[in-house]
């Protein structure tokens, strides 16, 4: 089996690997990506896994750190770059970007895959659906002068933005889609043109340690892949249940990820020190969450959202009052 993007990045990330980074590299393996495409992207559902793997380009890009403005080739962002910097529109970074060519449809797809720890508006400070629409719009607009030129808008490539949300409850396993639709509100429109250029796909993964196996094959696979079980158990499951080949790179990335999970759960400190550290971490996390929630409220106040609108997003009146007070103090 040809080397995957995991093989290209193992050495570079060996000394500074984190759990989140390894999750990205693990998801970017073609064996994983091909199954995500088959079970989440409609156009690939009837294709054999082997054909989907062959359709994925060698341009898989994994965003592990931000890039300074101006580092892209000749100032132009290529279709597979993890950096999207359009003058006057700000800069965003993609977790994983790649292309896939559907031979039967003779169509090239530009695909973005994101792993999202939280999808709750109260924690994010915004609704995730709006961010997905923004990413899709940027993936469309960034194609000018890369995929099409001048006014040749019929050469636009289809874009798919796939989001893995990892914080769902026991009954929260689901796959959702966000897309453009066409509705004739008056009269008849014959032979409407296909406008399915962009589609957002949300894959909701449950975060409980003891959960029943999902009835959806993709969610079941991803939950087992990202679970806290040992690497040998994961290898057995992925090989026997999902027919994957355990390459050296895939095994190594799984081992590193599992080691990080174990390091989080176990330390060599005695119980008293361990409890003190855990308590301090919990307080730090709580303070960080509180600060981020207040920052989110401040941003919404600056954006001229009303108090009822802000509270409807899951914030409290106390948080609104405190954020408003801080804004007045900093004026």
Protein backbone atom coordinates (compact mmCIF):
# COMPACT_ATOMS: atom_id res chain seq x y z
CA UNK A 1 0.00 0.00 0.00
CA UNK A 2 1.36 3.43 -0.90
CA UNK A 3 2.50 5.75 1.85
CA UNK A 4 -0.21 7.93 3.28
CA UNK A 5 -0.03 11.49 4.59
CA UNK A 6 0.52 9.92 8.00
CA UNK A 7 3.88 8.57 6.81
CA UNK A 8 4.94 12.00 5.57
CA UNK A 9 4.25 13.68 8.91
CA UNK A 10 5.26 11.13 11.57
CA UNK A 11 8.87 12.28 11.81
CA UNK A 12 8.00 15.99 11.73
CA UNK A 13 5.53 15.71 14.58
CA UNK A 14 7.30 13.02 16.64
CA UNK A 15 8.67 15.35 19.30
CA UNK A 16 5.70 17.70 19.57
CA UNK A 17 2.70 15.46 19.01
CA UNK A 18 -0.50 16.20 20.88
CA UNK A 19 -3.71 14.24 20.99
CA UNK A 20 -5.53 16.72 18.72
CA UNK A 21 -2.74 16.74 16.16
CA UNK A 22 -2.60 12.95 16.03
CA UNK A 23 -6.38 12.80 15.57
CA UNK A 24 -5.99 14.99 12.47
CA UNK A 25 -3.24 12.80 11.01
CA UNK A 26 -5.20 9.67 11.81
CA UNK A 27 -8.32 11.00 10.08
CA UNK A 28 -6.22 12.04 7.07
CA UNK A 29 -5.21 8.45 6.30
CA UNK A 30 -6.76 7.49 2.96
CA UNK A 31 -8.35 4.38 4.46
CA UNK A 32 -10.27 6.60 6.89
CA UNK A 33 -11.04 9.36 4.39
CA UNK A 34 -12.39 6.88 1.84
CA UNK A 35 -14.89 5.51 4.35
CA UNK A 36 -15.97 9.00 5.38
CA UNK A 37 -16.63 9.84 1.73
CA UNK A 38 -18.52 6.60 1.09
CA UNK A 39 -20.90 6.91 4.03
CA UNK A 40 -21.24 10.70 4.31
CA UNK A 41 -20.98 12.13 0.77
CA UNK A 42 -23.85 11.06 -1.49
CA UNK A 43 -21.90 11.05 -4.74
CA UNK A 44 -19.47 8.39 -3.42
CA UNK A 45 -21.93 6.04 -1.68
CA UNK A 46 -22.08 3.50 -4.54
CA UNK A 47 -18.33 3.40 -5.17
CA UNK A 48 -16.16 0.57 -3.77
CA UNK A 49 -13.75 1.64 -1.04
CA UNK A 50 -10.75 0.81 -3.23
CA UNK A 51 -12.01 3.10 -6.01
CA UNK A 52 -12.66 5.93 -3.56
CA UNK A 53 -9.13 5.60 -2.18
CA UNK A 54 -7.77 5.82 -5.71
CA UNK A 55 -9.90 8.91 -6.37
CA UNK A 56 -8.38 10.85 -3.46
CA UNK A 57 -5.56 13.11 -4.64
CA UNK A 58 -2.04 13.25 -3.24
CA UNK A 59 -2.66 16.85 -2.18
CA UNK A 60 -3.96 16.09 1.32
CA UNK A 61 -3.07 19.06 3.52
CA UNK A 62 -3.24 18.90 7.31
CA UNK A 63 -3.37 22.14 9.28
CA UNK A 64 -1.17 21.77 12.36
CA UNK A 65 -0.19 25.41 12.86
CA UNK A 66 -1.19 28.84 11.48
CA UNK A 67 0.77 30.28 8.59
CA UNK A 68 1.83 33.91 8.28
CA UNK A 69 0.12 35.96 5.61
CA UNK A 70 1.95 35.98 2.29
CA UNK A 71 3.49 32.49 2.55
CA UNK A 72 1.20 30.98 -0.07
CA UNK A 73 2.57 30.46 -3.56
CA UNK A 74 2.70 33.80 -5.38
CA UNK A 75 0.05 35.14 -2.97
CA UNK A 76 -2.55 32.82 -4.50
CA UNK A 77 -4.18 30.15 -2.36
CA UNK A 78 -4.18 26.73 -4.02
CA UNK A 79 -7.25 24.52 -3.78
CA UNK A 80 -5.64 22.21 -1.23
CA UNK A 81 -3.95 24.73 1.06
CA UNK A 82 -4.97 24.71 4.71
CA UNK A 83 -4.61 28.49 4.71
CA UNK A 84 -7.35 30.60 3.11
CA UNK A 85 -6.41 34.27 3.09
CA UNK A 86 -8.51 36.51 0.87
CA UNK A 87 -7.51 40.20 1.03
CA UNK A 88 -10.04 42.20 3.01
CA UNK A 89 -11.89 39.08 4.18
CA UNK A 90 -9.63 37.76 6.94
CA UNK A 91 -7.91 34.42 7.26
CA UNK A 92 -9.12 30.96 8.22
CA UNK A 93 -7.34 27.62 8.68
CA UNK A 94 -8.71 24.25 7.68
CA UNK A 95 -7.99 21.04 9.62
CA UNK A 96 -7.77 18.80 6.55
CA UNK A 97 -8.20 19.68 2.88
CA UNK A 98 -7.98 17.38 -0.14
CA UNK A 99 -9.45 16.72 -3.57
CA UNK A 100 -11.29 13.68 -4.90
CA UNK A 101 -12.03 12.94 -8.55
CA UNK A 102 -15.21 11.02 -9.37
CA UNK A 103 -14.44 9.23 -12.65
CA UNK A 104 -17.99 8.21 -13.56
CA UNK A 105 -19.29 11.74 -13.01
CA UNK A 106 -16.08 13.24 -14.46
CA UNK A 107 -16.13 15.66 -11.58
CA UNK A 108 -13.54 17.02 -9.17
CA UNK A 109 -14.58 17.66 -5.55
CA UNK A 110 -12.84 20.00 -3.12
CA UNK A 111 -13.26 18.61 0.38
CA UNK A 112 -12.61 19.96 3.87
CA UNK A 113 -12.73 17.84 7.04
CA UNK A 114 -12.94 19.41 10.50
CA UNK A 115 -12.84 17.78 13.95
CA UNK A 116 -14.88 19.87 16.41
CA UNK A 117 -14.59 19.23 20.15
CA UNK A 118 -17.75 21.21 20.93
CA UNK A 119 -20.78 22.20 18.88
CA UNK A 120 -22.67 24.03 21.63
CA UNK A 121 -23.38 27.74 20.89
CA UNK A 122 -22.88 28.54 24.58
CA UNK A 123 -19.27 27.33 24.43
CA UNK A 124 -18.42 28.50 20.92
CA UNK A 125 -20.04 31.92 21.08
CA UNK A 126 -21.76 31.27 17.75
CA UNK A 127 -23.87 28.63 16.01
CA UNK A 128 -21.70 26.06 14.23
CA UNK A 129 -24.05 26.00 11.23
CA UNK A 130 -23.10 29.61 10.43
CA UNK A 131 -19.39 28.74 10.53
CA UNK A 132 -19.97 25.80 8.17
CA UNK A 133 -21.77 28.07 5.70
CA UNK A 134 -18.88 30.54 5.93
CA UNK A 135 -16.33 27.80 5.19
CA UNK A 136 -18.36 26.58 2.22
CA UNK A 137 -18.63 30.10 0.84
CA UNK A 138 -14.88 30.60 1.16
CA UNK A 139 -14.16 27.28 -0.55
CA UNK A 140 -16.32 28.48 -3.45
CA UNK A 141 -14.92 32.03 -3.70
CA UNK A 142 -11.28 30.84 -3.38
CA UNK A 143 -11.65 28.96 -6.69
CA UNK A 144 -11.42 32.14 -8.77
CA UNK A 145 -8.09 32.18 -10.61
CA UNK A 146 -7.35 28.61 -9.39
CA UNK A 147 -10.20 26.44 -10.71
CA UNK A 148 -11.83 28.96 -13.05
CA UNK A 149 -10.91 32.26 -14.69
CA UNK A 150 -12.74 35.43 -15.68
CA UNK A 151 -16.51 34.73 -15.80
CA UNK A 152 -16.39 30.97 -16.38
CA UNK A 153 -18.60 30.20 -13.37
CA UNK A 154 -19.76 26.89 -14.84
CA UNK A 155 -16.26 25.56 -14.10
CA UNK A 156 -16.75 25.89 -10.33
CA UNK A 157 -15.92 22.67 -8.48
CA UNK A 158 -18.31 21.13 -5.98
CA UNK A 159 -17.22 21.63 -2.37
CA UNK A 160 -18.03 19.46 0.64
CA UNK A 161 -17.26 20.53 4.20
CA UNK A 162 -17.46 17.62 6.67
CA UNK A 163 -17.59 18.29 10.41
CA UNK A 164 -17.02 15.66 13.08
CA UNK A 165 -18.68 16.89 16.28
CA UNK A 166 -17.32 14.90 19.20
CA UNK A 167 -19.49 16.06 22.12
CA UNK A 168 -22.87 14.41 21.61
CA UNK A 169 -24.92 12.55 24.21
CA UNK A 170 -25.70 8.82 24.19
CA UNK A 171 -28.64 9.22 21.78
CA UNK A 172 -26.97 11.96 19.71
CA UNK A 173 -25.41 9.88 16.93
CA UNK A 174 -26.63 11.44 13.69
CA UNK A 175 -25.55 12.75 10.28
CA UNK A 176 -26.99 16.05 9.04
CA UNK A 177 -26.64 18.02 5.81
CA UNK A 178 -26.72 21.74 5.00
CA UNK A 179 -27.15 22.65 1.34
CA UNK A 180 -28.69 25.03 -1.18
CA UNK A 181 -32.23 24.26 -2.29
CA UNK A 182 -34.41 25.61 -5.05
CA UNK A 183 -38.10 26.39 -4.62
CA UNK A 184 -40.40 27.85 -7.26
CA UNK A 185 -42.66 30.30 -5.44
CA UNK A 186 -44.64 31.24 -8.54
CA UNK A 187 -45.19 29.72 -11.97
CA UNK A 188 -43.33 26.79 -13.50
CA UNK A 189 -39.62 26.47 -14.12
CA UNK A 190 -38.66 23.75 -16.59
CA UNK A 191 -35.41 21.81 -16.39
CA UNK A 192 -33.90 23.67 -13.41
CA UNK A 193 -30.10 23.78 -13.34
CA UNK A 194 -28.38 21.65 -10.66
CA UNK A 195 -27.18 24.04 -7.93
CA UNK A 196 -25.68 21.40 -5.62
CA UNK A 197 -22.31 23.16 -5.58
CA UNK A 198 -21.80 23.24 -1.82
CA UNK A 199 -22.92 20.94 0.95
CA UNK A 200 -22.06 20.87 4.63
CA UNK A 201 -22.14 17.52 6.42
CA UNK A 202 -22.26 17.20 10.21
CA UNK A 203 -21.31 13.81 11.69
CA UNK A 204 -22.37 13.74 15.33
CA UNK A 205 -20.20 11.42 17.42
CA UNK A 206 -21.03 10.50 21.03
CA UNK A 207 -18.53 11.14 23.81
CA UNK A 208 -19.65 8.64 26.46
CA UNK A 209 -17.25 5.91 27.54
CA UNK A 210 -20.04 3.31 27.81
CA UNK A 211 -22.42 3.60 24.85
CA UNK A 212 -24.27 1.14 22.66
CA UNK A 213 -22.81 0.52 19.23
CA UNK A 214 -24.25 2.98 16.70
CA UNK A 215 -26.46 1.54 13.96
CA UNK A 216 -24.68 3.81 11.47
CA UNK A 217 -21.55 2.11 10.11
CA UNK A 218 -19.53 5.34 9.75
CA UNK A 219 -20.35 6.70 13.21
CA UNK A 220 -19.66 3.28 14.74
CA UNK A 221 -16.24 3.15 13.06
CA UNK A 222 -15.28 6.69 14.06
CA UNK A 223 -16.39 6.22 17.66
CA UNK A 224 -14.24 3.09 17.94
CA UNK A 225 -11.32 4.77 16.21
CA UNK A 226 -11.40 7.78 18.56
CA UNK A 227 -12.32 5.87 21.72
CA UNK A 228 -10.05 5.41 24.74
CA UNK A 229 -9.63 1.68 24.15
CA UNK A 230 -6.13 0.25 23.65
CA UNK A 231 -4.31 0.23 20.34
CA UNK A 232 -4.41 -3.58 20.01
CA UNK A 233 -8.20 -3.58 20.43
CA UNK A 234 -8.54 -0.80 17.87
CA UNK A 235 -6.33 -2.67 15.42
CA UNK A 236 -8.44 -5.80 15.83
CA UNK A 237 -11.72 -3.89 15.32
CA UNK A 238 -10.54 -1.90 12.31
CA UNK A 239 -9.04 -5.00 10.68
CA UNK A 240 -11.76 -7.55 11.39
CA UNK A 241 -14.88 -5.36 11.30
CA UNK A 242 -13.91 -2.73 8.72
CA UNK A 243 -11.34 -4.52 6.55
CA UNK A 244 -8.53 -1.99 6.99
CA UNK A 245 -4.87 -2.78 6.42
CA UNK A 246 -2.68 -1.94 9.39
CA UNK A 247 0.17 -0.05 7.78
CA UNK A 248 3.17 0.87 9.92
CA UNK A 249 2.13 4.52 9.75
CA UNK A 250 -1.47 3.88 10.77
CA UNK A 251 -0.39 1.63 13.65
CA UNK A 252 2.13 4.20 14.85
CA UNK A 253 -0.35 7.05 14.81
CA UNK A 254 -2.91 4.98 16.71
CA UNK A 255 -0.27 4.01 19.28
CA UNK A 256 0.72 7.63 19.87
CA UNK A 257 -2.92 8.69 20.24
CA UNK A 258 -3.63 5.87 22.70
CA UNK A 259 -0.51 6.74 24.68
CA UNK A 260 -1.75 10.31 25.05
CA UNK A 261 -5.10 9.02 26.29
CA UNK A 262 -3.34 6.86 28.88
CA UNK A 263 -1.08 9.72 29.94
CA UNK A 264 -4.15 11.81 30.66
CA UNK A 265 -5.69 9.08 32.82
CA UNK A 266 -2.59 7.87 34.71
CA UNK A 267 0.27 9.68 36.46
CA UNK A 268 3.03 8.61 38.80
CA UNK A 269 2.00 11.11 41.49
CA UNK A 270 0.54 9.87 44.76
CA UNK A 271 -3.22 10.20 45.21
CA UNK A 272 -3.06 13.40 47.27
CA UNK A 273 -0.91 15.25 44.75
CA UNK A 274 -3.01 13.86 41.91
CA UNK A 275 -6.24 15.16 43.46
CA UNK A 276 -4.69 18.56 44.04
CA UNK A 277 -3.54 18.78 40.44
CA UNK A 278 -6.93 17.62 39.14
CA UNK A 279 -8.69 20.21 41.31
CA UNK A 280 -6.38 22.94 40.05
CA UNK A 281 -6.94 21.86 36.45
CA UNK A 282 -10.71 21.86 36.96
CA UNK A 283 -10.60 25.38 38.42
CA UNK A 284 -8.42 26.55 35.55
CA UNK A 285 -10.77 25.02 32.99
CA UNK A 286 -13.79 26.58 34.72
CA UNK A 287 -12.14 30.02 34.73
CA UNK A 288 -11.17 29.62 31.10
CA UNK A 289 -14.73 28.67 30.13
CA UNK A 290 -16.15 31.60 32.11
CA UNK A 291 -13.77 34.03 30.42
CA UNK A 292 -14.53 32.66 26.97
CA UNK A 293 -18.28 32.89 27.60
CA UNK A 294 -17.90 36.53 28.68
CA UNK A 295 -15.75 37.23 25.61
CA UNK A 296 -18.45 35.67 23.42
CA UNK A 297 -21.14 37.87 25.00
CA UNK A 298 -18.94 40.94 24.48
CA UNK A 299 -18.53 40.07 20.80
CA UNK A 300 -22.28 39.71 20.39
CA UNK A 301 -22.93 43.03 22.18
CA UNK A 302 -20.45 44.74 19.83
CA UNK A 303 -22.31 43.12 16.93
CA UNK A 304 -25.47 44.89 18.17
CA UNK A 305 -27.33 41.74 19.22
CA UNK A 306 -30.07 42.46 21.73
CA UNK A 307 -30.13 41.10 25.26
CA UNK A 308 -32.98 38.61 24.47
CA UNK A 309 -31.07 37.36 21.42
CA UNK A 310 -27.91 36.78 23.46
CA UNK A 311 -29.75 35.02 26.28
CA UNK A 312 -31.50 32.79 23.71
CA UNK A 313 -28.04 31.47 22.76
CA UNK A 314 -27.66 29.94 26.22
CA UNK A 315 -26.11 32.79 28.20
CA UNK A 316 -27.40 34.13 31.52
CA UNK A 317 -28.54 37.61 32.50
CA UNK A 318 -25.64 37.75 34.97
CA UNK A 319 -23.15 37.05 32.17
CA UNK A 320 -24.78 39.70 29.99
CA UNK A 321 -24.60 42.27 32.81
CA UNK A 322 -20.95 41.47 33.58
CA UNK A 323 -19.91 41.60 29.91
CA UNK A 324 -21.76 44.91 29.46
CA UNK A 325 -20.02 46.30 32.55
CA UNK A 326 -16.60 45.20 31.27
CA UNK A 327 -17.27 46.87 27.91
CA UNK A 328 -18.19 50.13 29.64
CA UNK A 329 -15.05 49.94 31.80
CA UNK A 330 -12.77 49.38 28.80
CA UNK A 331 -14.24 52.22 26.75
